[in-house]
Amino acid sequence: MQIQVDRGAGQISMSGEFTFTDHAPFKQMVAELFATSGKSVILDLSKLDFIDSAGLGMLLLARDEAKKNDRDLILRRPSGQVKRMFGVTKFSTLFTIED
């Protein structure tokens, strides 16, 4: 997975595949982003091609971190397999998802 962080905008852009092997860099990036100010954090998933169950779990951990910091976590533009996984897992009931 490739990650681009825009701390000023509170946005993380992810591309490629989001799997168990991405746990450490994702956790560090989320901690850094929640250390900044702002009301929300946006994960731009428009270029993410694949997510597995570990990736879904990491999104849930990021959501918990957002709640602890009184911030909103927004998942933006999931598509393809990622969007299908969100549908199967009913992530729309747990997250704000923007198309």
PDB file of N, CA and C in Angstrom:
ATOM      1  N   MET A   1       0.846  -1.174   0.000  1.00  0.00           N
ATOM      2  CA  MET A   1       0.000   0.000   0.000  1.00  0.00           C
ATOM      3  C   MET A   1       0.890   1.235   0.000  1.00  0.00           C
ATOM      4  N   GLN A   2       0.464   2.238  -0.729  1.00  0.00           N
ATOM      5  CA  GLN A   2       1.121   3.529  -0.716  1.00  0.00           C
ATOM      6  C   GLN A   2       0.227   4.501   0.042  1.00  0.00           C
ATOM      7  N   ILE A   3       0.878   5.367   0.832  1.00  0.00           N
ATOM      8  CA  ILE A   3       0.145   6.318   1.665  1.00  0.00           C
ATOM      9  C   ILE A   3       0.687   7.713   1.405  1.00  0.00           C
ATOM     10  N   GLN A   4      -0.228   8.667   1.227  1.00  0.00           N
ATOM     11  CA  GLN A   4       0.144  10.072   1.155  1.00  0.00           C
ATOM     12  C   GLN A   4      -0.657  10.797   2.227  1.00  0.00           C
ATOM     13  N   VAL A   5       0.037  11.572   3.048  1.00  0.00           N
ATOM     14  CA  VAL A   5      -0.605  12.265   4.161  1.00  0.00           C
ATOM     15  C   VAL A   5      -0.563  13.766   3.910  1.00  0.00           C
ATOM     16  N   ASP A   6      -1.710  14.396   4.041  1.00  0.00           N
ATOM     17  CA  ASP A   6      -1.817  15.859   3.981  1.00  0.00           C
ATOM     18  C   ASP A   6      -2.272  16.304   5.371  1.00  0.00           C
ATOM     19  N   ARG A   7      -1.312  16.616   6.234  1.00  0.00           N
ATOM     20  CA  ARG A   7      -1.638  16.965   7.622  1.00  0.00           C
ATOM     21  C   ARG A   7      -2.495  18.221   7.702  1.00  0.00           C
ATOM     22  N   GLY A   8      -2.236  19.184   6.828  1.00  0.00           N
ATOM     23  CA  GLY A   8      -2.999  20.428   6.832  1.00  0.00           C
ATOM     24  C   GLY A   8      -4.472  20.208   6.556  1.00  0.00           C
ATOM     25  N   ALA A   9      -4.773  19.305   5.637  1.00  0.00           N
ATOM     26  CA  ALA A   9      -6.162  19.008   5.285  1.00  0.00           C
ATOM     27  C   ALA A   9      -6.737  17.879   6.131  1.00  0.00           C
ATOM     28  N   GLY A  10      -5.893  17.232   6.925  1.00  0.00           N
ATOM     29  CA  GLY A  10      -6.362  16.097   7.725  1.00  0.00           C
ATOM     30  C   GLY A  10      -6.792  14.946   6.850  1.00  0.00           C
ATOM     31  N   GLN A  11      -6.027  14.697   5.766  1.00  0.00           N
ATOM     32  CA  GLN A  11      -6.424  13.661   4.816  1.00  0.00           C
ATOM     33  C   GLN A  11      -5.290  12.690   4.551  1.00  0.00           C
ATOM     34  N   ILE A  12      -5.668  11.429   4.457  1.00  0.00           N
ATOM     35  CA  ILE A  12      -4.754  10.354   4.097  1.00  0.00           C
ATOM     36  C   ILE A  12      -5.278   9.750   2.799  1.00  0.00           C
ATOM     37  N   SER A  13      -4.423   9.677   1.789  1.00  0.00           N
ATOM     38  CA  SER A  13      -4.789   9.023   0.533  1.00  0.00           C
ATOM     39  C   SER A  13      -4.071   7.682   0.478  1.00  0.00           C
ATOM     40  N   MET A  14      -4.846   6.637   0.234  1.00  0.00           N
ATOM     41  CA  MET A  14      -4.300   5.290   0.200  1.00  0.00           C
ATOM     42  C   MET A  14      -4.482   4.698  -1.185  1.00  0.00           C
ATOM     43  N   SER A  15      -3.467   3.950  -1.646  1.00  0.00           N
ATOM     44  CA  SER A  15      -3.589   3.276  -2.941  1.00  0.00           C
ATOM     45  C   SER A  15      -2.938   1.904  -2.847  1.00  0.00           C
ATOM     46  N   GLY A  16      -3.301   1.053  -3.786  1.00  0.00           N
ATOM     47  CA  GLY A  16      -2.770  -0.315  -3.799  1.00  0.00           C
ATOM     48  C   GLY A  16      -3.627  -1.257  -2.986  1.00  0.00           C
ATOM     49  N   GLU A  17      -2.982  -2.119  -2.207  1.00  0.00           N
ATOM     50  CA  GLU A  17      -3.667  -3.130  -1.406  1.00  0.00           C
ATOM     51  C   GLU A  17      -3.436  -2.863   0.076  1.00  0.00           C
ATOM     52  N   PHE A  18      -4.506  -2.924   0.863  1.00  0.00           N
ATOM     53  CA  PHE A  18      -4.455  -2.671   2.298  1.00  0.00           C
ATOM     54  C   PHE A  18      -4.641  -4.004   3.007  1.00  0.00           C
ATOM     55  N   THR A  19      -3.527  -4.556   3.525  1.00  0.00           N
ATOM     56  CA  THR A  19      -3.541  -5.886   4.124  1.00  0.00           C
ATOM     57  C   THR A  19      -2.813  -5.885   5.471  1.00  0.00           C
ATOM     58  N   PHE A  20      -2.711  -7.044   6.073  1.00  0.00           N
ATOM     59  CA  PHE A  20      -2.074  -7.195   7.374  1.00  0.00           C
ATOM     60  C   PHE A  20      -0.665  -6.603   7.406  1.00  0.00           C
ATOM     61  N   THR A  21       0.069  -6.714   6.310  1.00  0.00           N
ATOM     62  CA  THR A  21       1.453  -6.225   6.277  1.00  0.00           C
ATOM     63  C   THR A  21       1.542  -4.708   6.429  1.00  0.00           C
ATOM     64  N   ASP A  22       0.432  -4.005   6.295  1.00  0.00           N
ATOM     65  CA  ASP A  22       0.413  -2.546   6.394  1.00  0.00           C
ATOM     66  C   ASP A  22       0.084  -2.055   7.802  1.00  0.00           C
ATOM     67  N   HIS A  23      -0.027  -2.956   8.751  1.00  0.00           N
ATOM     68  CA  HIS A  23      -0.459  -2.588  10.101  1.00  0.00           C
ATOM     69  C   HIS A  23       0.431  -1.514  10.743  1.00  0.00           C
ATOM     70  N   ALA A  24       1.735  -1.753  10.781  1.00  0.00           N
ATOM     71  CA  ALA A  24       2.635  -0.821  11.474  1.00  0.00           C
ATOM     72  C   ALA A  24       2.637   0.575  10.837  1.00  0.00           C
ATOM     73  N   PRO A  25       2.824   0.695   9.506  1.00  0.00           N
ATOM     74  CA  PRO A  25       2.823   2.048   8.941  1.00  0.00           C
ATOM     75  C   PRO A  25       1.466   2.747   9.061  1.00  0.00           C
ATOM     76  N   PHE A  26       0.377   1.986   8.961  1.00  0.00           N
ATOM     77  CA  PHE A  26      -0.947   2.591   9.078  1.00  0.00           C
ATOM     78  C   PHE A  26      -1.171   3.103  10.502  1.00  0.00           C
ATOM     79  N   LYS A  27      -0.801   2.303  11.485  1.00  0.00           N
ATOM     80  CA  LYS A  27      -0.978   2.699  12.878  1.00  0.00           C
ATOM     81  C   LYS A  27      -0.178   3.966  13.194  1.00  0.00           C
ATOM     82  N   GLN A  28       1.053   4.034  12.712  1.00  0.00           N
ATOM     83  CA  GLN A  28       1.888   5.217  12.938  1.00  0.00           C
ATOM     84  C   GLN A  28       1.291   6.450  12.260  1.00  0.00           C
ATOM     85  N   MET A  29       0.838   6.292  11.030  1.00  0.00           N
ATOM     86  CA  MET A  29       0.262   7.399  10.281  1.00  0.00           C
ATOM     87  C   MET A  29      -1.008   7.917  10.960  1.00  0.00           C
ATOM     88  N   VAL A  30      -1.841   7.025  11.454  1.00  0.00           N
ATOM     89  CA  VAL A  30      -3.076   7.428  12.132  1.00  0.00           C
ATOM     90  C   VAL A  30      -2.739   8.184  13.414  1.00  0.00           C
ATOM     91  N   ALA A  31      -1.770   7.704  14.164  1.00  0.00           N
ATOM     92  CA  ALA A  31      -1.373   8.385  15.403  1.00  0.00           C
ATOM     93  C   ALA A  31      -0.876   9.797  15.101  1.00  0.00           C
ATOM     94  N   GLU A  32      -0.080   9.954  14.058  1.00  0.00           N
ATOM     95  CA  GLU A  32       0.426  11.273  13.678  1.00  0.00           C
ATOM     96  C   GLU A  32      -0.711  12.201  13.274  1.00  0.00           C
ATOM     97  N   LEU A  33      -1.655  11.679  12.519  1.00  0.00           N
ATOM     98  CA  LEU A  33      -2.745  12.525  12.036  1.00  0.00           C
ATOM     99  C   LEU A  33      -3.666  12.959  13.168  1.00  0.00           C
ATOM    100  N   PHE A  34      -3.933  12.074  14.107  1.00  0.00           N
ATOM    101  CA  PHE A  34      -4.805  12.445  15.215  1.00  0.00           C
ATOM    102  C   PHE A  34      -4.106  13.365  16.217  1.00  0.00           C
ATOM    103  N   ALA A  35      -2.792  13.498  16.088  1.00  0.00           N
ATOM    104  CA  ALA A  35      -2.063  14.441  16.933  1.00  0.00           C
ATOM    105  C   ALA A  35      -2.212  15.876  16.420  1.00  0.00           C
ATOM    106  N   THR A  36      -2.690  16.042  15.188  1.00  0.00           N
ATOM    107  CA  THR A  36      -2.918  17.375  14.631  1.00  0.00           C
ATOM    108  C   THR A  36      -4.303  17.858  15.032  1.00  0.00           C
ATOM    109  N   SER A  37      -4.565  19.135  14.797  1.00  0.00           N
ATOM    110  CA  SER A  37      -5.885  19.672  15.144  1.00  0.00           C
ATOM    111  C   SER A  37      -6.842  19.509  13.966  1.00  0.00           C
ATOM    112  N   GLY A  38      -8.104  19.694  14.238  1.00  0.00           N
ATOM    113  CA  GLY A  38      -9.132  19.586  13.210  1.00  0.00           C
ATOM    114  C   GLY A  38     -10.297  18.767  13.700  1.00  0.00           C
ATOM    115  N   LYS A  39     -11.422  18.914  13.022  1.00  0.00           N
ATOM    116  CA  LYS A  39     -12.633  18.213  13.437  1.00  0.00           C
ATOM    117  C   LYS A  39     -12.710  16.804  12.867  1.00  0.00           C
ATOM    118  N   SER A  40     -12.156  16.616  11.668  1.00  0.00           N
ATOM    119  CA  SER A  40     -12.297  15.309  11.038  1.00  0.00           C
ATOM    120  C   SER A  40     -10.996  14.862  10.381  1.00  0.00           C
ATOM    121  N   VAL A  41     -10.930  13.564  10.145  1.00  0.00           N
ATOM    122  CA  VAL A  41      -9.843  12.947   9.397  1.00  0.00           C
ATOM    123  C   VAL A  41     -10.493  12.214   8.238  1.00  0.00           C
ATOM    124  N   ILE A  42      -9.949  12.426   7.051  1.00  0.00           N
ATOM    125  CA  ILE A  42     -10.508  11.820   5.843  1.00  0.00           C
ATOM    126  C   ILE A  42      -9.539  10.777   5.315  1.00  0.00           C
ATOM    127  N   LEU A  43     -10.053   9.578   5.063  1.00  0.00           N
ATOM    128  CA  LEU A  43      -9.282   8.546   4.381  1.00  0.00           C
ATOM    129  C   LEU A  43      -9.805   8.467   2.952  1.00  0.00           C
ATOM    130  N   ASP A  44      -8.995   8.928   2.001  1.00  0.00           N
ATOM    131  CA  ASP A  44      -9.374   8.870   0.587  1.00  0.00           C
ATOM    132  C   ASP A  44      -9.005   7.492   0.068  1.00  0.00           C
ATOM    133  N   LEU A  45     -10.013   6.701  -0.240  1.00  0.00           N
ATOM    134  CA  LEU A  45      -9.819   5.311  -0.670  1.00  0.00           C
ATOM    135  C   LEU A  45     -10.045   5.138  -2.164  1.00  0.00           C
ATOM    136  N   SER A  46     -10.141   6.221  -2.900  1.00  0.00           N
ATOM    137  CA  SER A  46     -10.503   6.150  -4.321  1.00  0.00           C
ATOM    138  C   SER A  46      -9.493   5.360  -5.151  1.00  0.00           C
ATOM    139  N   LYS A  47      -8.263   5.264  -4.700  1.00  0.00           N
ATOM    140  CA  LYS A  47      -7.239   4.526  -5.459  1.00  0.00           C
ATOM    141  C   LYS A  47      -6.842   3.225  -4.771  1.00  0.00           C
ATOM    142  N   LEU A  48      -7.600   2.845  -3.742  1.00  0.00           N
ATOM    143  CA  LEU A  48      -7.337   1.580  -3.055  1.00  0.00           C
ATOM    144  C   LEU A  48      -8.008   0.462  -3.834  1.00  0.00           C
ATOM    145  N   ASP A  49      -7.203  -0.527  -4.267  1.00  0.00           N
ATOM    146  CA  ASP A  49      -7.709  -1.605  -5.120  1.00  0.00           C
ATOM    147  C   ASP A  49      -8.247  -2.796  -4.342  1.00  0.00           C
ATOM    148  N   PHE A  50      -7.731  -3.006  -3.130  1.00  0.00           N
ATOM    149  CA  PHE A  50      -8.057  -4.233  -2.396  1.00  0.00           C
ATOM    150  C   PHE A  50      -7.931  -3.982  -0.898  1.00  0.00           C
ATOM    151  N   ILE A  51      -8.833  -4.584  -0.138  1.00  0.00           N
ATOM    152  CA  ILE A  51      -8.741  -4.566   1.322  1.00  0.00           C
ATOM    153  C   ILE A  51      -9.109  -5.953   1.831  1.00  0.00           C
ATOM    154  N   ASP A  52      -8.352  -6.447   2.816  1.00  0.00           N
ATOM    155  CA  ASP A  52      -8.689  -7.742   3.408  1.00  0.00           C
ATOM    156  C   ASP A  52      -9.261  -7.527   4.807  1.00  0.00           C
ATOM    157  N   SER A  53      -9.525  -8.614   5.510  1.00  0.00           N
ATOM    158  CA  SER A  53     -10.141  -8.492   6.835  1.00  0.00           C
ATOM    159  C   SER A  53      -9.243  -7.743   7.813  1.00  0.00           C
ATOM    160  N   ALA A  54      -7.932  -7.890   7.682  1.00  0.00           N
ATOM    161  CA  ALA A  54      -7.020  -7.141   8.554  1.00  0.00           C
ATOM    162  C   ALA A  54      -7.115  -5.643   8.271  1.00  0.00           C
ATOM    163  N   GLY A  55      -7.237  -5.273   7.008  1.00  0.00           N
ATOM    164  CA  GLY A  55      -7.408  -3.867   6.647  1.00  0.00           C
ATOM    165  C   GLY A  55      -8.697  -3.308   7.213  1.00  0.00           C
ATOM    166  N   LEU A  56      -9.766  -4.094   7.151  1.00  0.00           N
ATOM    167  CA  LEU A  56     -11.034  -3.663   7.735  1.00  0.00           C
ATOM    168  C   LEU A  56     -10.880  -3.460   9.243  1.00  0.00           C
ATOM    169  N   GLY A  57     -10.157  -4.372   9.882  1.00  0.00           N
ATOM    170  CA  GLY A  57      -9.925  -4.251  11.316  1.00  0.00           C
ATOM    171  C   GLY A  57      -9.132  -2.997  11.661  1.00  0.00           C
ATOM    172  N   MET A  58      -8.171  -2.659  10.827  1.00  0.00           N
ATOM    173  CA  MET A  58      -7.384  -1.449  11.075  1.00  0.00           C
ATOM    174  C   MET A  58      -8.235  -0.194  10.929  1.00  0.00           C
ATOM    175  N   LEU A  59      -9.186  -0.217  10.013  1.00  0.00           N
ATOM    176  CA  LEU A  59     -10.103   0.922   9.890  1.00  0.00           C
ATOM    177  C   LEU A  59     -10.942   1.068  11.156  1.00  0.00           C
ATOM    178  N   LEU A  60     -11.338  -0.065  11.736  1.00  0.00           N
ATOM    179  CA  LEU A  60     -12.095  -0.017  12.992  1.00  0.00           C
ATOM    180  C   LEU A  60     -11.237   0.554  14.125  1.00  0.00           C
ATOM    181  N   LEU A  61      -9.958   0.202  14.152  1.00  0.00           N
ATOM    182  CA  LEU A  61      -9.051   0.768  15.160  1.00  0.00           C
ATOM    183  C   LEU A  61      -8.895   2.278  14.962  1.00  0.00           C
ATOM    184  N   ALA A  62      -8.823   2.708  13.699  1.00  0.00           N
ATOM    185  CA  ALA A  62      -8.734   4.146  13.412  1.00  0.00           C
ATOM    186  C   ALA A  62     -10.007   4.855  13.860  1.00  0.00           C
ATOM    187  N   ARG A  63     -11.141   4.197  13.685  1.00  0.00           N
ATOM    188  CA  ARG A  63     -12.414   4.779  14.135  1.00  0.00           C
ATOM    189  C   ARG A  63     -12.417   4.947  15.657  1.00  0.00           C
ATOM    190  N   ASP A  64     -11.912   3.955  16.366  1.00  0.00           N
ATOM    191  CA  ASP A  64     -11.821   4.045  17.825  1.00  0.00           C
ATOM    192  C   ASP A  64     -10.911   5.194  18.244  1.00  0.00           C
ATOM    193  N   GLU A  65      -9.799   5.358  17.540  1.00  0.00           N
ATOM    194  CA  GLU A  65      -8.872   6.452  17.838  1.00  0.00           C
ATOM    195  C   GLU A  65      -9.543   7.802  17.584  1.00  0.00           C
ATOM    196  N   ALA A  66     -10.333   7.879  16.531  1.00  0.00           N
ATOM    197  CA  ALA A  66     -11.063   9.122  16.226  1.00  0.00           C
ATOM    198  C   ALA A  66     -12.017   9.461  17.363  1.00  0.00           C
ATOM    199  N   LYS A  67     -12.746   8.463  17.842  1.00  0.00           N
ATOM    200  CA  LYS A  67     -13.695   8.702  18.938  1.00  0.00           C
ATOM    201  C   LYS A  67     -12.978   9.171  20.195  1.00  0.00           C
ATOM    202  N   LYS A  68     -11.824   8.569  20.501  1.00  0.00           N
ATOM    203  CA  LYS A  68     -11.059   8.979  21.685  1.00  0.00           C
ATOM    204  C   LYS A  68     -10.612  10.433  21.588  1.00  0.00           C
ATOM    205  N   ASN A  69     -10.383  10.894  20.360  1.00  0.00           N
ATOM    206  CA  ASN A  69      -9.912  12.253  20.131  1.00  0.00           C
ATOM    207  C   ASN A  69     -11.038  13.206  19.752  1.00  0.00           C
ATOM    208  N   ASP A  70     -12.290  12.742  19.902  1.00  0.00           N
ATOM    209  CA  ASP A  70     -13.470  13.545  19.570  1.00  0.00           C
ATOM    210  C   ASP A  70     -13.399  14.106  18.149  1.00  0.00           C
ATOM    211  N   ARG A  71     -13.058  13.217  17.209  1.00  0.00           N
ATOM    212  CA  ARG A  71     -12.940  13.593  15.797  1.00  0.00           C
ATOM    213  C   ARG A  71     -13.820  12.667  14.967  1.00  0.00           C
ATOM    214  N   ASP A  72     -14.160  13.117  13.778  1.00  0.00           N
ATOM    215  CA  ASP A  72     -14.900  12.301  12.829  1.00  0.00           C
ATOM    216  C   ASP A  72     -13.907  11.607  11.901  1.00  0.00           C
ATOM    217  N   LEU A  73     -14.193  10.374  11.541  1.00  0.00           N
ATOM    218  CA  LEU A  73     -13.400   9.649  10.554  1.00  0.00           C
ATOM    219  C   LEU A  73     -14.299   9.420   9.352  1.00  0.00           C
ATOM    220  N   ILE A  74     -13.885   9.934   8.210  1.00  0.00           N
ATOM    221  CA  ILE A  74     -14.676   9.850   6.986  1.00  0.00           C
ATOM    222  C   ILE A  74     -13.923   8.991   5.974  1.00  0.00           C
ATOM    223  N   LEU A  75     -14.599   8.002   5.425  1.00  0.00           N
ATOM    224  CA  LEU A  75     -14.044   7.174   4.361  1.00  0.00           C
ATOM    225  C   LEU A  75     -14.568   7.722   3.044  1.00  0.00           C
ATOM    226  N   ARG A  76     -13.667   8.150   2.171  1.00  0.00           N
ATOM    227  CA  ARG A  76     -14.073   8.831   0.943  1.00  0.00           C
ATOM    228  C   ARG A  76     -13.820   7.969  -0.292  1.00  0.00           C
ATOM    229  N   ARG A  77     -14.835   7.875  -1.126  1.00  0.00           N
ATOM    230  CA  ARG A  77     -14.811   7.273  -2.458  1.00  0.00           C
ATOM    231  C   ARG A  77     -14.246   5.847  -2.564  1.00  0.00           C
ATOM    232  N   PRO A  78     -14.720   4.923  -1.722  1.00  0.00           N
ATOM    233  CA  PRO A  78     -14.296   3.539  -1.954  1.00  0.00           C
ATOM    234  C   PRO A  78     -14.905   3.047  -3.266  1.00  0.00           C
ATOM    235  N   SER A  79     -14.192   2.173  -3.960  1.00  0.00           N
ATOM    236  CA  SER A  79     -14.715   1.648  -5.221  1.00  0.00           C
ATOM    237  C   SER A  79     -14.323   0.184  -5.370  1.00  0.00           C
ATOM    238  N   GLY A  80     -14.885  -0.476  -6.363  1.00  0.00           N
ATOM    239  CA  GLY A  80     -14.535  -1.858  -6.685  1.00  0.00           C
ATOM    240  C   GLY A  80     -14.670  -2.802  -5.507  1.00  0.00           C
ATOM    241  N   GLN A  81     -13.630  -3.608  -5.302  1.00  0.00           N
ATOM    242  CA  GLN A  81     -13.632  -4.629  -4.260  1.00  0.00           C
ATOM    243  C   GLN A  81     -13.775  -4.007  -2.880  1.00  0.00           C
ATOM    244  N   VAL A  82     -13.189  -2.840  -2.673  1.00  0.00           N
ATOM    245  CA  VAL A  82     -13.261  -2.174  -1.366  1.00  0.00           C
ATOM    246  C   VAL A  82     -14.715  -1.794  -1.060  1.00  0.00           C
ATOM    247  N   LYS A  83     -15.395  -1.239  -2.033  1.00  0.00           N
ATOM    248  CA  LYS A  83     -16.806  -0.857  -1.852  1.00  0.00           C
ATOM    249  C   LYS A  83     -17.673  -2.094  -1.599  1.00  0.00           C
ATOM    250  N   ARG A  84     -17.379  -3.184  -2.318  1.00  0.00           N
ATOM    251  CA  ARG A  84     -18.129  -4.432  -2.105  1.00  0.00           C
ATOM    252  C   ARG A  84     -17.903  -4.971  -0.691  1.00  0.00           C
ATOM    253  N   MET A  85     -16.673  -4.917  -0.212  1.00  0.00           N
ATOM    254  CA  MET A  85     -16.370  -5.375   1.155  1.00  0.00           C
ATOM    255  C   MET A  85     -17.109  -4.529   2.185  1.00  0.00           C
ATOM    256  N   PHE A  86     -17.179  -3.222   1.954  1.00  0.00           N
ATOM    257  CA  PHE A  86     -17.911  -2.348   2.870  1.00  0.00           C
ATOM    258  C   PHE A  86     -19.391  -2.717   2.876  1.00  0.00           C
ATOM    259  N   GLY A  87     -19.926  -3.097   1.721  1.00  0.00           N
ATOM    260  CA  GLY A  87     -21.328  -3.499   1.646  1.00  0.00           C
ATOM    261  C   GLY A  87     -21.580  -4.787   2.402  1.00  0.00           C
ATOM    262  N   VAL A  88     -20.716  -5.768   2.207  1.00  0.00           N
ATOM    263  CA  VAL A  88     -20.861  -7.072   2.864  1.00  0.00           C
ATOM    264  C   VAL A  88     -20.757  -6.931   4.378  1.00  0.00           C
ATOM    265  N   THR A  89     -19.864  -6.072   4.840  1.00  0.00           N
ATOM    266  CA  THR A  89     -19.616  -5.922   6.274  1.00  0.00           C
ATOM    267  C   THR A  89     -20.474  -4.843   6.923  1.00  0.00           C
ATOM    268  N   LYS A  90     -21.316  -4.190   6.130  1.00  0.00           N
ATOM    269  CA  LYS A  90     -22.207  -3.133   6.637  1.00  0.00           C
ATOM    270  C   LYS A  90     -21.422  -1.980   7.274  1.00  0.00           C
ATOM    271  N   PHE A  91     -20.275  -1.655   6.691  1.00  0.00           N
ATOM    272  CA  PHE A  91     -19.456  -0.562   7.218  1.00  0.00           C
ATOM    273  C   PHE A  91     -20.192   0.769   7.185  1.00  0.00           C
ATOM    274  N   SER A  92     -21.198   0.902   6.341  1.00  0.00           N
ATOM    275  CA  SER A  92     -21.941   2.164   6.272  1.00  0.00           C
ATOM    276  C   SER A  92     -22.683   2.436   7.570  1.00  0.00           C
ATOM    277  N   THR A  93     -22.880   1.411   8.389  1.00  0.00           N
ATOM    278  CA  THR A  93     -23.526   1.633   9.691  1.00  0.00           C
ATOM    279  C   THR A  93     -22.509   2.056  10.750  1.00  0.00           C
ATOM    280  N   LEU A  94     -21.218   1.901  10.444  1.00  0.00           N
ATOM    281  CA  LEU A  94     -20.171   2.210  11.411  1.00  0.00           C
ATOM    282  C   LEU A  94     -19.372   3.459  11.067  1.00  0.00           C
ATOM    283  N   PHE A  95     -19.392   3.845   9.810  1.00  0.00           N
ATOM    284  CA  PHE A  95     -18.568   4.952   9.310  1.00  0.00           C
ATOM    285  C   PHE A  95     -19.416   5.919   8.494  1.00  0.00           C
ATOM    286  N   THR A  96     -18.903   7.128   8.366  1.00  0.00           N
ATOM    287  CA  THR A  96     -19.418   8.050   7.364  1.00  0.00           C
ATOM    288  C   THR A  96     -18.658   7.745   6.089  1.00  0.00           C
ATOM    289  N   ILE A  97     -19.393   7.364   5.038  1.00  0.00           N
ATOM    290  CA  ILE A  97     -18.766   7.032   3.766  1.00  0.00           C
ATOM    291  C   ILE A  97     -19.273   8.007   2.711  1.00  0.00           C
ATOM    292  N   GLU A  98     -18.336   8.720   2.099  1.00  0.00           N
ATOM    293  CA  GLU A  98     -18.671   9.683   1.049  1.00  0.00           C
ATOM    294  C   GLU A  98     -18.353   9.053  -0.307  1.00  0.00           C
ATOM    295  N   ASP A  99     -19.301   9.189  -1.250  1.00  0.00           N
ATOM    296  CA  ASP A  99     -19.064   8.659  -2.614  1.00  0.00           C
ATOM    297  C   ASP A  99     -18.358   9.634  -3.483  1.00  0.00           C
TER     298      ASP A  99
END
